[in-house]
C-alpha atoms as a PDB file:
ATOM      1  CA  VAL A   1     -76.344  10.538  24.967  1.00  0.00           C
ATOM      2  CA  THR A   2     -73.436  12.459  23.487  1.00  0.00           C
ATOM      3  CA  ILE A   3     -69.915  12.247  24.854  1.00  0.00           C
ATOM      4  CA  ARG A   4     -67.504  14.789  23.410  1.00  0.00           C
ATOM      5  CA  THR A   5     -64.291  16.605  24.223  1.00  0.00           C
ATOM      6  CA  ALA A   6     -63.588  20.321  24.514  1.00  0.00           C
ATOM      7  CA  ASP A   7     -60.817  22.684  25.580  1.00  0.00           C
ATOM      8  CA  THR A   8     -61.748  22.625  29.272  1.00  0.00           C
ATOM      9  CA  ASP A   9     -60.238  21.397  32.532  1.00  0.00           C
ATOM     10  CA  HIS A  10     -63.375  19.809  33.991  1.00  0.00           C
ATOM     11  CA  ILE A  11     -66.203  17.442  33.075  1.00  0.00           C
ATOM     12  CA  THR A  12     -69.643  18.913  32.441  1.00  0.00           C
ATOM     13  CA  VAL A  13     -72.959  17.101  32.190  1.00  0.00           C
ATOM     14  CA  ASN A  14     -75.838  18.970  30.536  1.00  0.00           C
ATOM     15  CA  TYR A  15     -79.441  17.843  30.317  1.00  0.00           C
ATOM     16  CA  ALA A  16     -82.973  19.223  30.525  1.00  0.00           C
ATOM     17  CA  ASP A  17     -84.170  18.916  34.110  1.00  0.00           C
ATOM     18  CA  THR A  18     -87.722  18.962  35.397  1.00  0.00           C
ATOM     19  CA  ALA A  19     -89.168  20.933  38.295  1.00  0.00           C
ATOM     20  CA  GLU A  20     -90.670  17.747  39.752  1.00  0.00           C
ATOM     21  CA  LYS A  21     -87.506  15.789  40.425  1.00  0.00           C
ATOM     22  CA  PRO A  22     -84.118  15.279  38.765  1.00  0.00           C
ATOM     23  CA  LEU A  23     -83.894  12.978  35.748  1.00  0.00           C
ATOM     24  CA  TYR A  24     -80.444  11.697  36.754  1.00  0.00           C
ATOM     25  CA  THR A  25     -78.254  10.966  39.729  1.00  0.00           C
ATOM     26  CA  ILE A  26     -74.633  11.881  38.970  1.00  0.00           C
ATOM     27  CA  SER A  27     -71.729  10.647  41.060  1.00  0.00           C
ATOM     28  CA  VAL A  28     -67.965  10.195  40.813  1.00  0.00           C
ATOM     29  CA  GLU A  29     -66.235   7.452  42.769  1.00  0.00           C
ATOM     30  CA  ASP A  30     -62.708   6.100  42.227  1.00  0.00           C
ATOM     31  CA  GLY A  31     -62.428   7.885  38.871  1.00  0.00           C
ATOM     32  CA  LEU A  32     -65.747   6.475  37.608  1.00  0.00           C
ATOM     33  CA  LEU A  33     -68.431   8.927  36.465  1.00  0.00           C
ATOM     34  CA  ARG A  34     -71.807   7.254  36.934  1.00  0.00           C
ATOM     35  CA  ILE A  35     -75.035   8.733  35.572  1.00  0.00           C
ATOM     36  CA  GLN A  36     -78.228   6.855  36.340  1.00  0.00           C
ATOM     37  CA  THR A  37     -81.790   7.709  35.439  1.00  0.00           C
ATOM     38  CA  GLU A  38     -83.915   8.609  38.444  1.00  0.00           C
ATOM     39  CA  SER A  39     -87.309   9.477  37.001  1.00  0.00           C
ATOM     40  CA  LEU A  40     -89.309   6.293  36.805  1.00  0.00           C
ATOM     41  CA  ASP A  41     -93.006   5.605  36.260  1.00  0.00           C
ATOM     42  CA  LYS A  42     -95.072   2.551  37.005  1.00  0.00           C
ATOM     43  CA  ILE A  43     -96.970   1.377  33.924  1.00  0.00           C
ATOM     44  CA  GLY A  44     -98.957  -1.842  33.975  1.00  0.00           C
ATOM     45  CA  GLY A  45     -97.138  -3.030  37.079  1.00  0.00           C
ATOM     46  CA  ARG A  46     -93.700  -2.441  35.525  1.00  0.00           C
ATOM     47  CA  ILE A  47     -91.249   0.305  36.398  1.00  0.00           C
ATOM     48  CA  VAL A  48     -90.019   2.161  33.302  1.00  0.00           C
ATOM     49  CA  PRO A  49     -88.078   5.394  32.708  1.00  0.00           C
ATOM     50  CA  ARG A  50     -90.335   8.472  32.448  1.00  0.00           C
ATOM     51  CA  LEU A  51     -90.633   9.655  28.860  1.00  0.00           C
ATOM     52  CA  SER A  52     -89.308  13.181  28.481  1.00  0.00           C
ATOM     53  CA  ASN A  53     -86.458  15.059  26.867  1.00  0.00           C
ATOM     54  CA  ARG A  54     -83.589  12.776  27.763  1.00  0.00           C
ATOM     55  CA  ASP A  55     -80.818  14.445  25.735  1.00  0.00           C
ATOM     56  CA  LEU A  56     -77.658  14.182  27.797  1.00  0.00           C
ATOM     57  CA  VAL A  57     -74.316  15.753  26.796  1.00  0.00           C
ATOM     58  CA  ILE A  58     -71.136  14.856  28.653  1.00  0.00           C
ATOM     59  CA  THR A  59     -68.148  17.058  27.844  1.00  0.00           C
ATOM     60  CA  LEU A  60     -64.693  15.777  28.782  1.00  0.00           C
ATOM     61  CA  PRO A  61     -61.375  17.646  28.793  1.00  0.00           C
ATOM     62  CA  GLN A  62     -59.321  17.083  25.637  1.00  0.00           C
ATOM     63  CA  LYS A  63     -56.629  14.651  26.733  1.00  0.00           C
ATOM     64  CA  GLN A  64     -55.533  11.044  26.344  1.00  0.00           C
ATOM     65  CA  TYR A  65     -57.596   8.748  28.586  1.00  0.00           C
ATOM     66  CA  GLN A  66     -56.502   5.289  29.693  1.00  0.00           C
ATOM     67  CA  ASN A  67     -59.982   3.731  29.641  1.00  0.00           C
ATOM     68  CA  VAL A  68     -63.341   5.116  28.521  1.00  0.00           C
ATOM     69  CA  SER A  69     -66.275   2.732  28.819  1.00  0.00           C
ATOM     70  CA  VAL A  70     -69.876   3.714  28.071  1.00  0.00           C
ATOM     71  CA  ALA A  71     -73.046   1.606  28.313  1.00  0.00           C
ATOM     72  CA  LEU A  72     -76.504   2.756  27.208  1.00  0.00           C
ATOM     73  CA  THR A  73     -79.652   0.666  27.202  1.00  0.00           C
ATOM     74  CA  VAL A  74     -81.988   2.654  24.901  1.00  0.00           C
ATOM     75  CA  GLY A  75     -81.301   5.637  22.657  1.00  0.00           C
ATOM     76  CA  THR A  76     -78.540   6.896  20.399  1.00  0.00           C
ATOM     77  CA  LEU A  77     -75.027   6.896  21.809  1.00  0.00           C
ATOM     78  CA  SER A  78     -72.637   9.349  20.156  1.00  0.00           C
ATOM     79  CA  VAL A  79     -68.929   9.571  21.039  1.00  0.00           C
ATOM     80  CA  GLU A  80     -67.027  12.462  19.432  1.00  0.00           C
ATOM     81  CA  GLY A  81     -63.318  13.332  19.495  1.00  0.00           C
ATOM     82  CA  VAL A  82     -62.333  11.056  22.390  1.00  0.00           C
ATOM     83  CA  LYS A  83     -58.725   9.784  22.646  1.00  0.00           C
ATOM     84  CA  ALA A  84     -58.237   6.657  24.759  1.00  0.00           C
ATOM     85  CA  ALA A  85     -55.994   3.637  25.062  1.00  0.00           C
ATOM     86  CA  GLN A  86     -59.147   1.521  25.531  1.00  0.00           C
ATOM     87  CA  LEU A  87     -62.566   2.737  24.302  1.00  0.00           C
ATOM     88  CA  THR A  88     -65.592   0.513  24.887  1.00  0.00           C
ATOM     89  CA  THR A  89     -69.189   1.308  23.911  1.00  0.00           C
ATOM     90  CA  LYS A  90     -72.072  -1.058  24.620  1.00  0.00           C
ATOM     91  CA  GLY A  91     -75.642  -0.545  23.513  1.00  0.00           C
ATOM     92  CA  THR A  92     -78.697  -2.711  23.941  1.00  0.00           C
ATOM     93  CA  VAL A  93     -81.409  -1.128  21.774  1.00  0.00           C
ATOM     94  CA  ASN A  94     -79.688   1.819  20.158  1.00  0.00           C
ATOM     95  CA  SER A  95     -77.384   3.143  17.498  1.00  0.00           C
ATOM     96  CA  VAL A  96     -73.739   3.755  18.346  1.00  0.00           C
ATOM     97  CA  GLU A  97     -72.040   6.601  16.449  1.00  0.00           C
ATOM     98  CA  LEU A  98     -68.301   7.218  16.821  1.00  0.00           C
ATOM     99  CA  SER A  99     -66.579  10.141  15.113  1.00  0.00           C
ATOM    100  CA  GLY A 100     -63.108  11.616  15.287  1.00  0.00           C
ATOM    101  CA  ILE A 101     -61.921   9.094  17.853  1.00  0.00           C
ATOM    102  CA  GLN A 102     -58.417   7.788  18.450  1.00  0.00           C
ATOM    103  CA  ALA A 103     -58.031   4.531  20.349  1.00  0.00           C
ATOM    104  CA  ASP A 104     -55.436   1.805  20.700  1.00  0.00           C
ATOM    105  CA  GLN A 105     -58.262  -0.695  21.301  1.00  0.00           C
ATOM    106  CA  LEU A 106     -61.891  -0.054  20.306  1.00  0.00           C
ATOM    107  CA  ASN A 107     -64.800  -2.333  21.204  1.00  0.00           C
ATOM    108  CA  ALA A 108     -68.138  -1.027  19.894  1.00  0.00           C
ATOM    109  CA  VAL A 109     -71.247  -3.185  20.219  1.00  0.00           C
ATOM    110  CA  SER A 110     -74.976  -2.711  19.728  1.00  0.00           C
ATOM    111  CA  ALA A 111     -77.307  -5.654  20.259  1.00  0.00           C
ATOM    112  CA  MET A 112     -80.111  -4.002  18.245  1.00  0.00           C
ATOM    113  CA  GLY A 113     -78.988  -0.969  16.303  1.00  0.00           C
ATOM    114  CA  LYS A 114     -76.465   0.275  13.794  1.00  0.00           C
ATOM    115  CA  VAL A 115     -72.819   0.902  14.700  1.00  0.00           C
ATOM    116  CA  THR A 116     -71.090   3.693  12.741  1.00  0.00           C
ATOM    117  CA  PRO A 117     -67.438   4.608  13.305  1.00  0.00           C
ATOM    118  CA  ARG A 118     -66.195   7.419  11.039  1.00  0.00           C
ATOM    119  CA  ASP A 119     -63.227   9.755  10.637  1.00  0.00           C
ATOM    120  CA  SER A 120     -61.211   7.815  13.219  1.00  0.00           C
ATOM    121  CA  ARG A 121     -57.752   6.339  13.841  1.00  0.00           C
ATOM    122  CA  ILE A 122     -57.466   3.123  15.818  1.00  0.00           C
ATOM    123  CA  GLY A 123     -55.091   0.263  16.555  1.00  0.00           C
ATOM    124  CA  ASN A 124     -57.259  -2.831  17.009  1.00  0.00           C
ATOM    125  CA  ALA A 125     -61.044  -2.708  16.754  1.00  0.00           C
ATOM    126  CA  GLU A 126     -63.969  -5.057  17.209  1.00  0.00           C
ATOM    127  CA  ILE A 127     -67.199  -3.559  15.876  1.00  0.00           C
ATOM    128  CA  GLU A 128     -70.470  -5.495  16.254  1.00  0.00           C
ATOM    129  CA  GLY A 129     -73.879  -4.433  15.029  1.00  0.00           C
ATOM    130  CA  ASN A 130     -75.676  -7.667  15.860  1.00  0.00           C
ATOM    131  CA  VAL A 131     -79.107  -6.690  14.509  1.00  0.00           C
ATOM    132  CA  GLY A 132     -78.823  -3.428  12.608  1.00  0.00           C
ATOM    133  CA  GLY A 133     -75.598  -3.496  10.652  1.00  0.00           C
ATOM    134  CA  VAL A 134     -72.357  -1.586  10.507  1.00  0.00           C
ATOM    135  CA  THR A 135     -71.130   1.418   8.512  1.00  0.00           C
ATOM    136  CA  VAL A 136     -67.397   2.205   8.619  1.00  0.00           C
ATOM    137  CA  GLU A 137     -66.290   5.443   6.910  1.00  0.00           C
ATOM    138  CA  ASN A 138     -62.822   7.014   6.682  1.00  0.00           C
ATOM    139  CA  VAL A 139     -61.272   4.766   9.339  1.00  0.00           C
ATOM    140  CA  THR A 140     -57.646   3.674   9.629  1.00  0.00           C
ATOM    141  CA  ALA A 141     -56.756   0.659  11.772  1.00  0.00           C
ATOM    142  CA  SER A 142     -53.018   0.166  12.195  1.00  0.00           C
ATOM    143  CA  GLU A 143     -53.604  -3.445  13.261  1.00  0.00           C
ATOM    144  CA  ARG A 144     -56.746  -5.652  13.136  1.00  0.00           C
ATOM    145  CA  LEU A 145     -60.242  -4.381  12.307  1.00  0.00           C
ATOM    146  CA  THR A 146     -62.985  -6.948  12.927  1.00  0.00           C
ATOM    147  CA  VAL A 147     -66.493  -6.024  11.790  1.00  0.00           C
ATOM    148  CA  SER A 148     -69.420  -8.357  12.433  1.00  0.00           C
ATOM    149  CA  SER A 149     -73.198  -8.483  12.189  1.00  0.00           C
ATOM    150  CA  VAL A 150     -75.843 -11.172  12.463  1.00  0.00           C
ATOM    151  CA  VAL A 151     -78.557  -9.292  10.546  1.00  0.00           C
ATOM    152  CA  GLY A 152     -77.981  -6.017   8.767  1.00  0.00           C
ATOM    153  CA  LYS A 153     -76.183  -4.186   6.002  1.00  0.00           C
ATOM    154  CA  PHE A 154     -72.412  -3.671   5.987  1.00  0.00           C
ATOM    155  CA  SER A 155     -70.850  -0.666   4.355  1.00  0.00           C
ATOM    156  CA  LEU A 156     -67.103  -0.012   4.342  1.00  0.00           C
ATOM    157  CA  ASP A 157     -65.916   3.177   2.642  1.00  0.00           C
ATOM    158  CA  ASP A 158     -62.376   4.619   2.732  1.00  0.00           C
ATOM    159  CA  VAL A 159     -61.090   2.003   5.180  1.00  0.00           C
ATOM    160  CA  THR A 160     -57.452   1.054   5.702  1.00  0.00           C
ATOM    161  CA  ALA A 161     -56.378  -1.767   8.005  1.00  0.00           C
ATOM    162  CA  TYR A 162     -53.405  -4.061   8.379  1.00  0.00           C
ATOM    163  CA  GLU A 163     -55.833  -6.974   8.816  1.00  0.00           C
ATOM    164  CA  LEU A 164     -59.558  -6.790   8.031  1.00  0.00           C
ATOM    165  CA  ILE A 165     -62.054  -9.436   9.151  1.00  0.00           C
ATOM    166  CA  VAL A 166     -65.686  -9.124   8.038  1.00  0.00           C
ATOM    167  CA  LEU A 167     -68.253 -11.569   9.440  1.00  0.00           C
ATOM    168  CA  SER A 168     -71.910 -11.488   8.418  1.00  0.00           C
ATOM    169  CA  THR A 169     -74.777 -13.951   8.710  1.00  0.00           C
ATOM    170  CA  LEU A 170     -77.594 -12.145   6.869  1.00  0.00           C
ATOM    171  CA  GLY A 171     -77.064  -8.904   5.038  1.00  0.00           C
ATOM    172  CA  ARG A 172     -75.540  -7.138   2.091  1.00  0.00           C
ATOM    173  CA  ILE A 173     -71.889  -6.093   2.157  1.00  0.00           C
ATOM    174  CA  SER A 174     -70.600  -3.129   0.149  1.00  0.00           C
ATOM    175  CA  TRP A 175     -66.951  -2.030  -0.124  1.00  0.00           C
ATOM    176  CA  GLU A 176     -65.415   1.082  -1.597  1.00  0.00           C
ATOM    177  CA  ASN A 177     -61.777   2.211  -1.274  1.00  0.00           C
ATOM    178  CA  VAL A 178     -60.821  -0.548   1.166  1.00  0.00           C
ATOM    179  CA  GLU A 179     -57.135  -1.397   1.652  1.00  0.00           C
ATOM    180  CA  ALA A 180     -55.946  -4.317   3.783  1.00  0.00           C
ATOM    181  CA  PRO A 181     -52.920  -6.540   3.072  1.00  0.00           C
ATOM    182  CA  TYR A 182     -54.670  -9.341   4.951  1.00  0.00           C
ATOM    183  CA  SER A 183     -58.433  -9.814   4.863  1.00  0.00           C
ATOM    184  CA  THR A 184     -61.068 -12.435   5.616  1.00  0.00           C
ATOM    185  CA  GLN A 185     -64.730 -12.325   4.691  1.00  0.00           C
ATOM    186  CA  ALA A 186     -67.283 -14.854   5.884  1.00  0.00           C
ATOM    187  CA  SER A 187     -71.031 -14.754   5.391  1.00  0.00           C
ATOM    188  CA  ILE A 188     -73.882 -17.193   5.061  1.00  0.00           C
ATOM    189  CA  PHE A 189     -76.141 -15.047   2.851  1.00  0.00           C
END
């Protein structure tokens, strides 16, 4: 799933459809765009999404949003060029890639997968790559940047923050060109 912005006045959703039945149900209610998978198969008594080309691109108008919240269960989630007061991304088994974003508050989490914010400007941020690690590249946080992982590699490159907190249980941490007047690092291994 890719969410990006463009010089347009409307939201577009592009994906490969099938002749059998639609892959997604798309609705808008009270300012909430909801996209749910509709093509399901029964395998071994369990209902699972049908395997097919599931690339989905959501294009938003270029503007400042109050709240953008995205949740994806499986797959790569990519958010590009979005400006929001509050930006939240949640992944279960997937990588989360953020590029060119501007947010007053960023919360980016992946339970199993790598989280990679790059080329972005934020106020406060909480970035969690629980099992998979975190890579932060060319990011400026005007306030607090908290980066955490239970298992996985940390990489911070060209990062500036007023306060930097790095929490790791198992994994290697590498730093290059990191500036933070206040910083805390905690890890077990």
